[in-house]
Amino acid sequence: SFKIIIFYLSPQVLELSPKSKLLQKYIEGYYFISPDEKSQLLKYWTFPNNFFILSVSQNADIKIDDKNIIIRQSQKENIATHFVAKYKKPIQVIYEEPVKELTIYFKPLGINQFVKNPEIFFKNAFGADFNPLDDLEDSMKSIFKINDRELQRDDLEEYWLSKLELKDFSEIEKIVSDIESDFRIDDIAVRNNFSRQYLNRLFTKMVGKSPSEYRKIHRFRNVIGNQKRMKNLTDLSFESSFYDQSHLIKDFRQLTNVSPNSFFKIVDTEKENVWLFI
């Protein structure tokens, strides 16, 4: 068990949505962290989701293991990147010292539109030194120099729009939609003239996780979104496409390490930033 909690004095954390209509198709949102001089420690738990998460930090050293992402100030000037492609258990993110950071949440298949061979990154749950683009580091250096958040977002979006390739993923997009709609995975394979094994390989290559893993996380996220308007776990289970309450509790424990009741006593689901609980 663990405590889901954040400790800080006054870090400046800002969430922004994409302004570009085109980028809204592929990017869920941005987080900007720019702590002031009084900031001491920022720490939070983040739970499994189906986004590809890219974080860029200025003058930072990053240590990653299977339970923690630890960020501290670097002894030299640099641009440090790390990504989270998939995870099945909570990860604790700890800022031991204040750093400037921006984080981009790419929707499923979103990162595929900007980089070649994203499956290279999908092979790992998370990792450092995400640098598939030659000018990423220099562009991020320039963006960090901007103090106005709106202008910073404008430059960030101009950069990603310049990398957008508009690939045709209509086939796999339909499969993602079917999995989110709770069709049987075997039926989805048959409908597309695939074997179940081929569907698993294709989906994992393109999305970074298997169809069943994606669906489990999608249902979990539905629970979080539906919880505030449901009276009990039974109603919440059926509303979120679980077979029954036992199914919900089992998956919930696997993804959070705690029961739904314990989780919702601590986590405020009224917050819009449902992938971070702080």
Protein backbone atom coordinates (compact mmCIF):
# COMPACT_ATOMS: atom_id res chain seq x y z
CA SER A 1 0.00 0.00 0.00
CA PHE A 2 1.04 3.63 -0.33
CA LYS A 3 -0.14 7.16 0.20
CA ILE A 4 -1.23 9.15 -2.82
CA ILE A 5 -0.04 12.59 -1.88
CA ILE A 6 1.87 15.60 -3.08
CA PHE A 7 4.23 17.68 -0.98
CA TYR A 8 5.27 21.14 -2.13
CA LEU A 9 5.50 24.75 -1.09
CA SER A 10 4.76 26.69 -4.25
CA PRO A 11 5.68 25.08 -7.56
CA GLN A 12 4.07 26.67 -10.59
CA VAL A 13 2.32 23.91 -12.49
CA LEU A 14 0.14 24.83 -15.43
CA GLU A 15 -2.00 22.57 -17.61
CA LEU A 16 -2.87 23.76 -21.12
CA SER A 17 -4.80 22.15 -23.96
CA PRO A 18 -3.63 22.31 -27.57
CA LYS A 19 -4.76 25.49 -29.28
CA SER A 20 -4.23 24.10 -32.77
CA LYS A 21 -7.32 22.24 -34.04
CA LEU A 22 -5.03 19.91 -35.95
CA LEU A 23 -2.88 19.05 -32.94
CA GLN A 24 -5.98 18.43 -30.83
CA LYS A 25 -6.44 15.22 -32.83
CA TYR A 26 -3.11 13.87 -31.62
CA ILE A 27 -2.20 15.62 -28.37
CA GLU A 28 -4.26 15.52 -25.17
CA GLY A 29 -2.52 18.36 -23.38
CA TYR A 30 0.61 19.94 -21.94
CA TYR A 31 1.98 20.43 -18.44
CA PHE A 32 4.42 23.23 -17.73
CA ILE A 33 6.40 23.16 -14.50
CA SER A 34 8.33 26.30 -13.65
CA PRO A 35 9.00 26.31 -9.91
CA ASP A 36 9.87 29.52 -8.17
CA GLU A 37 12.69 30.00 -5.70
CA LYS A 38 10.58 28.83 -2.76
CA SER A 39 9.76 25.46 -4.31
CA GLN A 40 11.20 22.55 -2.42
CA LEU A 41 9.77 19.18 -3.42
CA LEU A 42 7.12 18.06 -5.85
CA LYS A 43 6.05 14.44 -5.59
CA TYR A 44 3.07 12.57 -6.97
CA TRP A 45 1.84 9.18 -8.11
CA THR A 46 0.73 8.68 -11.68
CA PHE A 47 -1.43 5.73 -12.71
CA PRO A 48 -1.65 3.67 -15.92
CA ASN A 49 -3.11 5.40 -18.96
CA ASN A 50 -3.06 4.95 -22.73
CA PHE A 51 -1.14 8.13 -23.54
CA PHE A 52 2.45 8.36 -24.74
CA ILE A 53 4.01 10.84 -22.31
CA LEU A 54 7.06 12.88 -23.27
CA SER A 55 8.76 15.14 -20.71
CA VAL A 56 11.50 17.63 -21.48
CA SER A 57 13.51 19.14 -18.61
CA GLN A 58 16.06 21.95 -18.55
CA ASN A 59 19.36 21.36 -16.73
CA ALA A 60 18.23 18.12 -15.13
CA ASP A 61 19.45 14.63 -14.32
CA ILE A 62 16.82 11.89 -14.53
CA LYS A 63 16.89 8.47 -12.89
CA ILE A 64 14.27 5.90 -13.87
CA ASP A 65 13.43 2.49 -12.47
CA ASP A 66 10.28 0.37 -12.53
CA LYS A 67 8.67 2.32 -9.66
CA ASN A 68 10.12 5.82 -9.73
CA ILE A 69 11.11 8.69 -11.96
CA ILE A 70 13.49 10.92 -10.01
CA ILE A 71 14.44 14.37 -11.33
CA ARG A 72 17.16 16.57 -9.87
CA GLN A 73 19.20 19.52 -11.07
CA SER A 74 22.14 18.80 -13.33
CA GLN A 75 25.65 20.09 -12.67
CA LYS A 76 25.83 21.19 -16.29
CA GLU A 77 23.48 22.82 -18.77
CA ASN A 78 21.46 20.33 -20.77
CA ILE A 79 18.10 19.34 -22.14
CA ALA A 80 16.99 16.02 -20.64
CA THR A 81 14.12 14.01 -22.08
CA HIS A 82 12.26 10.98 -20.83
CA PHE A 83 9.17 9.15 -22.00
CA VAL A 84 6.56 6.81 -20.59
CA ALA A 85 5.04 4.51 -23.21
CA LYS A 86 3.22 2.06 -20.94
CA TYR A 87 3.05 0.94 -17.35
CA LYS A 88 0.87 -1.44 -15.40
CA LYS A 89 1.54 -0.18 -11.88
CA PRO A 90 1.66 3.27 -10.29
CA ILE A 91 4.84 5.26 -10.83
CA GLN A 92 6.04 7.82 -8.33
CA VAL A 93 7.46 11.00 -9.86
CA ILE A 94 9.82 12.87 -7.54
CA TYR A 95 11.42 16.24 -8.13
CA GLU A 96 14.25 16.32 -5.61
CA GLU A 97 15.14 19.84 -6.74
CA PRO A 98 13.16 22.40 -8.74
CA VAL A 99 13.61 22.23 -12.52
CA LYS A 100 11.82 23.67 -15.50
CA GLU A 101 9.91 21.02 -17.38
CA LEU A 102 7.26 20.65 -20.03
CA THR A 103 5.31 17.45 -20.59
CA ILE A 104 3.30 16.47 -23.64
CA TYR A 105 0.55 13.86 -23.51
CA PHE A 106 0.10 12.24 -26.93
CA LYS A 107 -3.17 10.45 -27.58
CA PRO A 108 -3.11 6.79 -28.70
CA LEU A 109 -1.40 6.71 -32.13
CA GLY A 110 -0.58 10.41 -31.67
CA ILE A 111 3.20 10.11 -31.39
CA ASN A 112 3.16 7.95 -34.55
CA GLN A 113 2.24 11.02 -36.58
CA PHE A 114 5.43 12.85 -35.64
CA VAL A 115 8.26 10.30 -35.51
CA LYS A 116 9.45 7.45 -37.67
CA ASN A 117 9.50 3.94 -36.18
CA PRO A 118 7.75 4.73 -32.86
CA GLU A 119 7.76 1.00 -32.12
CA ILE A 120 11.39 1.46 -31.08
CA PHE A 121 10.13 3.39 -28.06
CA PHE A 122 7.13 1.11 -27.51
CA LYS A 123 9.50 -1.78 -26.83
CA ASN A 124 10.25 -0.17 -23.47
CA ALA A 125 7.75 0.86 -20.83
CA PHE A 126 9.71 4.07 -20.27
CA GLY A 127 13.14 5.47 -20.86
CA ALA A 128 15.43 8.47 -21.03
CA ASP A 129 16.99 10.26 -23.98
CA PHE A 130 13.94 10.39 -26.24
CA ASN A 131 15.50 12.11 -29.23
CA PRO A 132 14.07 10.88 -32.55
CA LEU A 133 14.21 14.37 -34.06
CA ASP A 134 17.51 16.08 -34.88
CA ASP A 135 16.41 19.55 -33.78
CA LEU A 136 14.39 18.59 -30.69
CA GLU A 137 17.03 19.67 -28.18
CA ASP A 138 17.77 23.05 -29.78
CA SER A 139 14.07 23.81 -30.22
CA MET A 140 13.29 22.98 -26.60
CA LYS A 141 16.15 25.20 -25.44
CA SER A 142 14.55 28.10 -27.29
CA ILE A 143 11.12 27.34 -25.87
CA PHE A 144 12.43 27.28 -22.30
CA LYS A 145 13.74 30.82 -22.77
CA ILE A 146 10.19 32.11 -23.27
CA ASN A 147 8.51 33.30 -20.06
CA ASP A 148 5.00 33.92 -21.39
CA ARG A 149 3.07 30.62 -21.24
CA GLU A 150 0.83 31.39 -24.21
CA LEU A 151 3.82 32.26 -26.38
CA GLN A 152 5.62 29.19 -25.09
CA ARG A 153 2.72 27.01 -26.14
CA ASP A 154 2.58 28.74 -29.54
CA ASP A 155 6.24 27.94 -30.21
CA LEU A 156 5.81 24.39 -28.90
CA GLU A 157 2.87 23.83 -31.24
CA GLU A 158 4.69 25.42 -34.17
CA TYR A 159 7.48 22.91 -33.61
CA TRP A 160 5.22 19.85 -33.52
CA LEU A 161 3.18 21.08 -36.49
CA SER A 162 6.43 21.25 -38.46
CA LYS A 163 6.99 17.54 -37.70
CA LEU A 164 3.44 16.38 -38.44
CA GLU A 165 3.35 13.86 -41.29
CA LEU A 166 -0.41 13.07 -41.42
CA LYS A 167 -0.04 9.33 -41.93
CA ASP A 168 -3.11 7.25 -42.71
CA PHE A 169 -3.90 5.14 -39.65
CA SER A 170 -7.62 4.74 -40.41
CA GLU A 171 -7.50 0.95 -40.13
CA ILE A 172 -5.84 0.85 -36.72
CA GLU A 173 -7.91 3.85 -35.54
CA LYS A 174 -11.04 1.78 -36.22
CA ILE A 175 -9.57 -1.10 -34.24
CA VAL A 176 -8.79 1.23 -31.32
CA SER A 177 -12.37 2.52 -31.44
CA ASP A 178 -13.73 -1.05 -31.45
CA ILE A 179 -11.61 -2.00 -28.46
CA GLU A 180 -12.79 1.09 -26.59
CA SER A 181 -16.38 0.18 -27.54
CA ASP A 182 -15.91 -3.21 -25.87
CA PHE A 183 -16.36 -5.49 -28.86
CA ARG A 184 -14.88 -8.95 -28.29
CA ILE A 185 -11.25 -8.92 -29.39
CA ASP A 186 -11.69 -12.20 -31.30
CA ASP A 187 -14.59 -10.63 -33.21
CA ILE A 188 -12.50 -7.54 -33.99
CA ALA A 189 -9.82 -9.79 -35.47
CA VAL A 190 -12.34 -11.71 -37.59
CA ARG A 191 -13.97 -8.48 -38.80
CA ASN A 192 -10.58 -7.31 -40.09
CA ASN A 193 -9.61 -10.72 -41.54
CA PHE A 194 -6.83 -11.05 -38.98
CA SER A 195 -5.86 -13.87 -36.69
CA ARG A 196 -5.94 -12.97 -32.99
CA GLN A 197 -2.16 -13.32 -32.91
CA TYR A 198 -1.67 -10.93 -35.84
CA LEU A 199 -4.04 -8.40 -34.28
CA ASN A 200 -2.01 -8.52 -31.06
CA ARG A 201 1.26 -7.99 -32.94
CA LEU A 202 -0.12 -5.14 -35.06
CA PHE A 203 -1.76 -3.37 -32.13
CA THR A 204 1.32 -3.69 -29.93
CA LYS A 205 3.54 -2.35 -32.71
CA MET A 206 1.30 0.65 -33.39
CA VAL A 207 -0.07 1.49 -29.94
CA GLY A 208 2.60 0.13 -27.62
CA LYS A 209 0.49 -2.40 -25.72
CA SER A 210 -1.73 -5.39 -26.43
CA PRO A 211 -5.47 -4.95 -27.09
CA SER A 212 -6.37 -6.58 -23.77
CA GLU A 213 -3.95 -4.37 -21.82
CA TYR A 214 -5.23 -1.27 -23.62
CA ARG A 215 -8.83 -2.23 -22.83
CA LYS A 216 -8.11 -2.85 -19.16
CA ILE A 217 -6.57 0.61 -18.81
CA HIS A 218 -9.37 2.21 -20.85
CA ARG A 219 -11.98 0.69 -18.52
CA PHE A 220 -9.99 1.83 -15.49
CA ARG A 221 -9.96 5.38 -16.83
CA ASN A 222 -13.70 5.16 -17.47
CA VAL A 223 -14.19 4.26 -13.83
CA ILE A 224 -12.36 7.41 -12.79
CA GLY A 225 -14.44 9.52 -15.17
CA ASN A 226 -17.74 7.95 -14.12
CA GLN A 227 -17.17 7.68 -10.36
CA LYS A 228 -18.47 11.10 -9.36
CA ARG A 229 -21.95 10.41 -10.79
CA MET A 230 -22.37 6.76 -9.71
CA LYS A 231 -24.00 5.74 -6.43
CA ASN A 232 -22.12 2.50 -5.81
CA LEU A 233 -19.50 0.14 -7.20
CA THR A 234 -22.09 -2.10 -8.84
CA ASP A 235 -23.48 0.74 -10.94
CA LEU A 236 -19.96 2.00 -11.60
CA SER A 237 -18.90 -1.46 -12.81
CA PHE A 238 -21.62 -1.77 -15.43
CA GLU A 239 -21.36 1.86 -16.53
CA SER A 240 -17.63 1.34 -17.14
CA SER A 241 -18.05 -1.93 -19.11
CA PHE A 242 -16.84 -4.33 -16.41
CA TYR A 243 -18.54 -7.70 -16.13
CA ASP A 244 -19.35 -7.14 -12.47
CA GLN A 245 -18.08 -5.50 -9.30
CA SER A 246 -15.50 -8.26 -8.69
CA HIS A 247 -14.03 -7.67 -12.13
CA LEU A 248 -13.69 -3.95 -11.41
CA ILE A 249 -12.05 -4.53 -8.03
CA LYS A 250 -9.59 -7.07 -9.48
CA ASP A 251 -8.44 -4.78 -12.31
CA PHE A 252 -8.37 -1.76 -10.04
CA ARG A 253 -6.08 -3.47 -7.55
CA GLN A 254 -3.76 -4.58 -10.36
CA LEU A 255 -3.44 -1.03 -11.73
CA THR A 256 -3.36 0.98 -8.49
CA ASN A 257 -2.31 -1.49 -5.75
CA VAL A 258 -5.35 -0.45 -3.70
CA SER A 259 -9.09 -1.12 -3.69
CA PRO A 260 -11.48 1.27 -5.46
CA ASN A 261 -12.93 2.43 -2.14
CA SER A 262 -9.49 3.24 -0.73
CA PHE A 263 -8.50 5.00 -3.95
CA PHE A 264 -11.56 7.23 -4.13
CA LYS A 265 -11.23 8.25 -0.49
CA ILE A 266 -7.92 9.88 -1.39
CA VAL A 267 -8.20 10.91 -5.04
CA ASP A 268 -10.34 13.85 -6.10
CA THR A 269 -11.95 12.77 -9.38
CA GLU A 270 -13.40 16.24 -9.84
CA LYS A 271 -10.00 17.31 -11.08
CA GLU A 272 -9.74 17.52 -14.85
CA ASN A 273 -6.14 16.29 -14.96
CA VAL A 274 -7.20 12.67 -14.46
CA TRP A 275 -3.86 11.16 -15.43
CA LEU A 276 -2.12 12.92 -12.54
CA PHE A 277 -3.45 12.76 -9.02
CA ILE A 278 -1.89 15.49 -6.93
